[in-house]
Amino acid sequence: MKENWVKIYSSTDLVRVKIAEDVLKQNGIESHIVNKPDSMLPMLGQAELFTPPEKSDAALKVLKNNKID
């Protein structure tokens, strides 16, 4: 992931974040997942989805239109 990317989505459910990433990919929007597992209980961590700043508005629209929130 490059510097200055913008976080557009996060969830404790990694599968939901992967679905959001796939929806963006299908719409030609580059994105990257950063998984931040909890040090004590890795399954309780947070996954975050990032995209380049110039694509963040379009990415948010795509997620909203696909009812991913």
PDB file of N, CA and C in Angstrom:
ATOM      1  N   MET A   1       0.854  -1.177   0.000  1.00  0.00           N
ATOM      2  CA  MET A   1       0.000   0.000   0.000  1.00  0.00           C
ATOM      3  C   MET A   1       0.894   1.232   0.000  1.00  0.00           C
ATOM      4  N   LYS A   2       0.518   2.199  -0.753  1.00  0.00           N
ATOM      5  CA  LYS A   2       1.287   3.431  -0.857  1.00  0.00           C
ATOM      6  C   LYS A   2       0.894   4.418   0.229  1.00  0.00           C
ATOM      7  N   GLU A   3       1.758   5.385   0.444  1.00  0.00           N
ATOM      8  CA  GLU A   3       1.480   6.423   1.443  1.00  0.00           C
ATOM      9  C   GLU A   3       0.271   7.263   1.040  1.00  0.00           C
ATOM     10  N   ASN A   4      -0.344   7.853   2.032  1.00  0.00           N
ATOM     11  CA  ASN A   4      -1.466   8.778   1.855  1.00  0.00           C
ATOM     12  C   ASN A   4      -2.765   8.139   1.392  1.00  0.00           C
ATOM     13  N   TRP A   5      -2.841   6.813   1.365  1.00  0.00           N
ATOM     14  CA  TRP A   5      -4.106   6.195   1.003  1.00  0.00           C
ATOM     15  C   TRP A   5      -5.131   6.488   2.084  1.00  0.00           C
ATOM     16  N   VAL A   6      -6.397   6.464   1.723  1.00  0.00           N
ATOM     17  CA  VAL A   6      -7.482   6.861   2.615  1.00  0.00           C
ATOM     18  C   VAL A   6      -8.262   5.627   3.063  1.00  0.00           C
ATOM     19  N   LYS A   7      -8.539   5.557   4.365  1.00  0.00           N
ATOM     20  CA  LYS A   7      -9.367   4.456   4.874  1.00  0.00           C
ATOM     21  C   LYS A   7     -10.819   4.766   4.523  1.00  0.00           C
ATOM     22  N   ILE A   8     -11.474   3.821   3.826  1.00  0.00           N
ATOM     23  CA  ILE A   8     -12.854   4.051   3.407  1.00  0.00           C
ATOM     24  C   ILE A   8     -13.840   3.086   4.050  1.00  0.00           C
ATOM     25  N   TYR A   9     -13.315   2.037   4.666  1.00  0.00           N
ATOM     26  CA  TYR A   9     -14.208   1.043   5.261  1.00  0.00           C
ATOM     27  C   TYR A   9     -13.437   0.239   6.292  1.00  0.00           C
ATOM     28  N   SER A  10     -14.105  -0.158   7.363  1.00  0.00           N
ATOM     29  CA  SER A  10     -13.484  -1.045   8.344  1.00  0.00           C
ATOM     30  C   SER A  10     -14.560  -1.894   9.001  1.00  0.00           C
ATOM     31  N   SER A  11     -14.137  -3.052   9.475  1.00  0.00           N
ATOM     32  CA  SER A  11     -15.049  -3.969  10.137  1.00  0.00           C
ATOM     33  C   SER A  11     -14.243  -4.967  10.958  1.00  0.00           C
ATOM     34  N   THR A  12     -14.888  -5.543  11.950  1.00  0.00           N
ATOM     35  CA  THR A  12     -14.258  -6.631  12.693  1.00  0.00           C
ATOM     36  C   THR A  12     -14.406  -7.949  11.938  1.00  0.00           C
ATOM     37  N   ASP A  13     -15.215  -7.941  10.889  1.00  0.00           N
ATOM     38  CA  ASP A  13     -15.453  -9.131  10.067  1.00  0.00           C
ATOM     39  C   ASP A  13     -14.627  -9.026   8.785  1.00  0.00           C
ATOM     40  N   LEU A  14     -13.529  -9.770   8.719  1.00  0.00           N
ATOM     41  CA  LEU A  14     -12.637  -9.718   7.562  1.00  0.00           C
ATOM     42  C   LEU A  14     -13.357 -10.086   6.270  1.00  0.00           C
ATOM     43  N   VAL A  15     -14.310 -10.995   6.334  1.00  0.00           N
ATOM     44  CA  VAL A  15     -15.051 -11.401   5.134  1.00  0.00           C
ATOM     45  C   VAL A  15     -15.817 -10.216   4.546  1.00  0.00           C
ATOM     46  N   ARG A  16     -16.433  -9.403   5.391  1.00  0.00           N
ATOM     47  CA  ARG A  16     -17.161  -8.210   4.900  1.00  0.00           C
ATOM     48  C   ARG A  16     -16.206  -7.244   4.196  1.00  0.00           C
ATOM     49  N   VAL A  17     -15.011  -7.094   4.741  1.00  0.00           N
ATOM     50  CA  VAL A  17     -14.033  -6.190   4.134  1.00  0.00           C
ATOM     51  C   VAL A  17     -13.567  -6.757   2.790  1.00  0.00           C
ATOM     52  N   LYS A  18     -13.394  -8.067   2.722  1.00  0.00           N
ATOM     53  CA  LYS A  18     -13.005  -8.691   1.445  1.00  0.00           C
ATOM     54  C   LYS A  18     -14.111  -8.542   0.397  1.00  0.00           C
ATOM     55  N   ILE A  19     -15.356  -8.620   0.822  1.00  0.00           N
ATOM     56  CA  ILE A  19     -16.471  -8.405  -0.108  1.00  0.00           C
ATOM     57  C   ILE A  19     -16.444  -6.968  -0.620  1.00  0.00           C
ATOM     58  N   ALA A  20     -16.224  -6.012   0.272  1.00  0.00           N
ATOM     59  CA  ALA A  20     -16.136  -4.601  -0.136  1.00  0.00           C
ATOM     60  C   ALA A  20     -14.989  -4.412  -1.119  1.00  0.00           C
ATOM     61  N   GLU A  21     -13.858  -5.046  -0.847  1.00  0.00           N
ATOM     62  CA  GLU A  21     -12.706  -4.947  -1.752  1.00  0.00           C
ATOM     63  C   GLU A  21     -13.063  -5.499  -3.131  1.00  0.00           C
ATOM     64  N   ASP A  22     -13.764  -6.628  -3.164  1.00  0.00           N
ATOM     65  CA  ASP A  22     -14.146  -7.247  -4.431  1.00  0.00           C
ATOM     66  C   ASP A  22     -15.105  -6.359  -5.223  1.00  0.00           C
ATOM     67  N   VAL A  23     -16.063  -5.744  -4.528  1.00  0.00           N
ATOM     68  CA  VAL A  23     -17.009  -4.837  -5.193  1.00  0.00           C
ATOM     69  C   VAL A  23     -16.253  -3.667  -5.819  1.00  0.00           C
ATOM     70  N   LEU A  24     -15.290  -3.119  -5.094  1.00  0.00           N
ATOM     71  CA  LEU A  24     -14.495  -2.017  -5.652  1.00  0.00           C
ATOM     72  C   LEU A  24     -13.698  -2.484  -6.864  1.00  0.00           C
ATOM     73  N   LYS A  25     -13.113  -3.671  -6.771  1.00  0.00           N
ATOM     74  CA  LYS A  25     -12.334  -4.213  -7.887  1.00  0.00           C
ATOM     75  C   LYS A  25     -13.206  -4.361  -9.126  1.00  0.00           C
ATOM     76  N   GLN A  26     -14.446  -4.850  -8.938  1.00  0.00           N
ATOM     77  CA  GLN A  26     -15.368  -5.018 -10.063  1.00  0.00           C
ATOM     78  C   GLN A  26     -15.717  -3.677 -10.709  1.00  0.00           C
ATOM     79  N   ASN A  27     -15.550  -2.596  -9.949  1.00  0.00           N
ATOM     80  CA  ASN A  27     -15.833  -1.251 -10.466  1.00  0.00           C
ATOM     81  C   ASN A  27     -14.561  -0.503 -10.850  1.00  0.00           C
ATOM     82  N   GLY A  28     -13.459  -1.216 -10.955  1.00  0.00           N
ATOM     83  CA  GLY A  28     -12.204  -0.631 -11.416  1.00  0.00           C
ATOM     84  C   GLY A  28     -11.521   0.281 -10.410  1.00  0.00           C
ATOM     85  N   ILE A  29     -11.802   0.083  -9.122  1.00  0.00           N
ATOM     86  CA  ILE A  29     -11.202   0.928  -8.091  1.00  0.00           C
ATOM     87  C   ILE A  29     -10.198   0.102  -7.287  1.00  0.00           C
ATOM     88  N   GLU A  30      -8.972   0.549  -7.308  1.00  0.00           N
ATOM     89  CA  GLU A  30      -7.898  -0.120  -6.587  1.00  0.00           C
ATOM     90  C   GLU A  30      -8.085   0.071  -5.084  1.00  0.00           C
ATOM     91  N   SER A  31      -7.853  -0.998  -4.320  1.00  0.00           N
ATOM     92  CA  SER A  31      -7.952  -0.897  -2.867  1.00  0.00           C
ATOM     93  C   SER A  31      -7.014  -1.915  -2.226  1.00  0.00           C
ATOM     94  N   HIS A  32      -6.846  -1.774  -0.910  1.00  0.00           N
ATOM     95  CA  HIS A  32      -5.935  -2.653  -0.180  1.00  0.00           C
ATOM     96  C   HIS A  32      -6.465  -2.856   1.234  1.00  0.00           C
ATOM     97  N   ILE A  33      -6.423  -4.096   1.702  1.00  0.00           N
ATOM     98  CA  ILE A  33      -6.871  -4.424   3.057  1.00  0.00           C
ATOM     99  C   ILE A  33      -5.682  -4.458   4.005  1.00  0.00           C
ATOM    100  N   VAL A  34      -5.864  -3.843   5.166  1.00  0.00           N
ATOM    101  CA  VAL A  34      -4.899  -3.952   6.253  1.00  0.00           C
ATOM    102  C   VAL A  34      -5.637  -4.636   7.396  1.00  0.00           C
ATOM    103  N   ASN A  35      -5.154  -5.820   7.755  1.00  0.00           N
ATOM    104  CA  ASN A  35      -5.779  -6.584   8.830  1.00  0.00           C
ATOM    105  C   ASN A  35      -5.005  -6.319  10.110  1.00  0.00           C
ATOM    106  N   LYS A  36      -5.699  -5.901  11.144  1.00  0.00           N
ATOM    107  CA  LYS A  36      -5.077  -5.582  12.425  1.00  0.00           C
ATOM    108  C   LYS A  36      -5.649  -6.493  13.507  1.00  0.00           C
ATOM    109  N   PRO A  37      -5.123  -7.720  13.589  1.00  0.00           N
ATOM    110  CA  PRO A  37      -5.653  -8.630  14.599  1.00  0.00           C
ATOM    111  C   PRO A  37      -5.308  -8.175  16.010  1.00  0.00           C
ATOM    112  N   ASP A  38      -6.181  -8.462  16.944  1.00  0.00           N
ATOM    113  CA  ASP A  38      -5.939  -8.179  18.357  1.00  0.00           C
ATOM    114  C   ASP A  38      -4.798  -9.075  18.827  1.00  0.00           C
ATOM    115  N   SER A  39      -3.902  -8.545  19.632  1.00  0.00           N
ATOM    116  CA  SER A  39      -2.748  -9.328  20.063  1.00  0.00           C
ATOM    117  C   SER A  39      -3.140 -10.502  20.966  1.00  0.00           C
ATOM    118  N   MET A  40      -4.207 -10.366  21.717  1.00  0.00           N
ATOM    119  CA  MET A  40      -4.639 -11.440  22.617  1.00  0.00           C
ATOM    120  C   MET A  40      -5.595 -12.410  21.926  1.00  0.00           C
ATOM    121  N   LEU A  41      -6.509 -11.880  21.142  1.00  0.00           N
ATOM    122  CA  LEU A  41      -7.498 -12.696  20.435  1.00  0.00           C
ATOM    123  C   LEU A  41      -7.550 -12.256  18.975  1.00  0.00           C
ATOM    124  N   PRO A  42      -6.711 -12.867  18.122  1.00  0.00           N
ATOM    125  CA  PRO A  42      -6.618 -12.421  16.713  1.00  0.00           C
ATOM    126  C   PRO A  42      -7.942 -12.367  15.969  1.00  0.00           C
ATOM    127  N   MET A  43      -8.914 -13.221  16.338  1.00  0.00           N
ATOM    128  CA  MET A  43     -10.191 -13.202  15.618  1.00  0.00           C
ATOM    129  C   MET A  43     -11.041 -11.981  15.969  1.00  0.00           C
ATOM    130  N   LEU A  44     -10.608 -11.178  16.941  1.00  0.00           N
ATOM    131  CA  LEU A  44     -11.364  -9.985  17.335  1.00  0.00           C
ATOM    132  C   LEU A  44     -10.763  -8.696  16.778  1.00  0.00           C
ATOM    133  N   GLY A  45      -9.840  -8.808  15.883  1.00  0.00           N
ATOM    134  CA  GLY A  45      -9.178  -7.631  15.340  1.00  0.00           C
ATOM    135  C   GLY A  45     -10.036  -6.835  14.378  1.00  0.00           C
ATOM    136  N   GLN A  46      -9.450  -5.809  13.833  1.00  0.00           N
ATOM    137  CA  GLN A  46     -10.117  -4.893  12.908  1.00  0.00           C
ATOM    138  C   GLN A  46      -9.446  -5.008  11.546  1.00  0.00           C
ATOM    139  N   ALA A  47     -10.240  -5.083  10.477  1.00  0.00           N
ATOM    140  CA  ALA A  47      -9.725  -5.045   9.113  1.00  0.00           C
ATOM    141  C   ALA A  47     -10.155  -3.722   8.493  1.00  0.00           C
ATOM    142  N   GLU A  48      -9.223  -3.081   7.801  1.00  0.00           N
ATOM    143  CA  GLU A  48      -9.494  -1.773   7.203  1.00  0.00           C
ATOM    144  C   GLU A  48      -9.214  -1.818   5.709  1.00  0.00           C
ATOM    145  N   LEU A  49     -10.036  -1.099   4.955  1.00  0.00           N
ATOM    146  CA  LEU A  49      -9.907  -1.048   3.500  1.00  0.00           C
ATOM    147  C   LEU A  49      -9.491   0.360   3.093  1.00  0.00           C
ATOM    148  N   PHE A  50      -8.426   0.448   2.322  1.00  0.00           N
ATOM    149  CA  PHE A  50      -7.863   1.730   1.896  1.00  0.00           C
ATOM    150  C   PHE A  50      -7.895   1.839   0.376  1.00  0.00           C
ATOM    151  N   THR A  51      -7.944   3.074  -0.102  1.00  0.00           N
ATOM    152  CA  THR A  51      -7.909   3.360  -1.533  1.00  0.00           C
ATOM    153  C   THR A  51      -7.133   4.654  -1.760  1.00  0.00           C
ATOM    154  N   PRO A  52      -6.633   4.868  -2.984  1.00  0.00           N
ATOM    155  CA  PRO A  52      -5.932   6.129  -3.247  1.00  0.00           C
ATOM    156  C   PRO A  52      -6.863   7.320  -3.018  1.00  0.00           C
ATOM    157  N   PRO A  53      -6.324   8.454  -2.555  1.00  0.00           N
ATOM    158  CA  PRO A  53      -7.165   9.614  -2.235  1.00  0.00           C
ATOM    159  C   PRO A  53      -8.037  10.080  -3.402  1.00  0.00           C
ATOM    160  N   GLU A  54      -7.512  10.014  -4.606  1.00  0.00           N
ATOM    161  CA  GLU A  54      -8.273  10.499  -5.759  1.00  0.00           C
ATOM    162  C   GLU A  54      -9.438   9.575  -6.129  1.00  0.00           C
ATOM    163  N   LYS A  55      -9.469   8.373  -5.554  1.00  0.00           N
ATOM    164  CA  LYS A  55     -10.554   7.437  -5.839  1.00  0.00           C
ATOM    165  C   LYS A  55     -11.474   7.237  -4.641  1.00  0.00           C
ATOM    166  N   SER A  56     -11.211   7.910  -3.547  1.00  0.00           N
ATOM    167  CA  SER A  56     -11.970   7.663  -2.318  1.00  0.00           C
ATOM    168  C   SER A  56     -13.452   8.032  -2.451  1.00  0.00           C
ATOM    169  N   ASP A  57     -13.762   9.155  -3.083  1.00  0.00           N
ATOM    170  CA  ASP A  57     -15.167   9.550  -3.245  1.00  0.00           C
ATOM    171  C   ASP A  57     -15.927   8.526  -4.087  1.00  0.00           C
ATOM    172  N   ALA A  58     -15.335   8.106  -5.188  1.00  0.00           N
ATOM    173  CA  ALA A  58     -15.976   7.109  -6.051  1.00  0.00           C
ATOM    174  C   ALA A  58     -16.126   5.783  -5.304  1.00  0.00           C
ATOM    175  N   ALA A  59     -15.122   5.414  -4.531  1.00  0.00           N
ATOM    176  CA  ALA A  59     -15.179   4.163  -3.772  1.00  0.00           C
ATOM    177  C   ALA A  59     -16.303   4.197  -2.741  1.00  0.00           C
ATOM    178  N   LEU A  60     -16.428   5.304  -2.037  1.00  0.00           N
ATOM    179  CA  LEU A  60     -17.496   5.429  -1.049  1.00  0.00           C
ATOM    180  C   LEU A  60     -18.875   5.347  -1.702  1.00  0.00           C
ATOM    181  N   LYS A  61     -19.021   5.941  -2.886  1.00  0.00           N
ATOM    182  CA  LYS A  61     -20.292   5.876  -3.617  1.00  0.00           C
ATOM    183  C   LYS A  61     -20.627   4.439  -4.013  1.00  0.00           C
ATOM    184  N   VAL A  62     -19.616   3.735  -4.513  1.00  0.00           N
ATOM    185  CA  VAL A  62     -19.829   2.337  -4.918  1.00  0.00           C
ATOM    186  C   VAL A  62     -20.251   1.505  -3.717  1.00  0.00           C
ATOM    187  N   LEU A  63     -19.567   1.671  -2.591  1.00  0.00           N
ATOM    188  CA  LEU A  63     -19.926   0.906  -1.397  1.00  0.00           C
ATOM    189  C   LEU A  63     -21.351   1.243  -0.941  1.00  0.00           C
ATOM    190  N   LYS A  64     -21.698   2.521  -0.964  1.00  0.00           N
ATOM    191  CA  LYS A  64     -23.040   2.930  -0.557  1.00  0.00           C
ATOM    192  C   LYS A  64     -24.095   2.362  -1.497  1.00  0.00           C
ATOM    193  N   ASN A  65     -23.832   2.425  -2.801  1.00  0.00           N
ATOM    194  CA  ASN A  65     -24.788   1.904  -3.785  1.00  0.00           C
ATOM    195  C   ASN A  65     -24.980   0.396  -3.664  1.00  0.00           C
ATOM    196  N   ASN A  66     -23.970  -0.286  -3.129  1.00  0.00           N
ATOM    197  CA  ASN A  66     -24.051  -1.731  -2.944  1.00  0.00           C
ATOM    198  C   ASN A  66     -24.431  -2.111  -1.519  1.00  0.00           C
ATOM    199  N   LYS A  67     -24.853  -1.090  -0.759  1.00  0.00           N
ATOM    200  CA  LYS A  67     -25.321  -1.283   0.628  1.00  0.00           C
ATOM    201  C   LYS A  67     -24.277  -1.949   1.517  1.00  0.00           C
ATOM    202  N   ILE A  68     -23.039  -1.542   1.311  1.00  0.00           N
ATOM    203  CA  ILE A  68     -21.946  -2.007   2.166  1.00  0.00           C
ATOM    204  C   ILE A  68     -21.589  -0.852   3.082  1.00  0.00           C
ATOM    205  N   ASP A  69     -21.980  -1.004   4.352  1.00  0.00           N
ATOM    206  CA  ASP A  69     -21.683   0.059   5.310  1.00  0.00           C
ATOM    207  C   ASP A  69     -21.387  -0.487   6.677  1.00  0.00           C
TER     208      ASP A  69
END
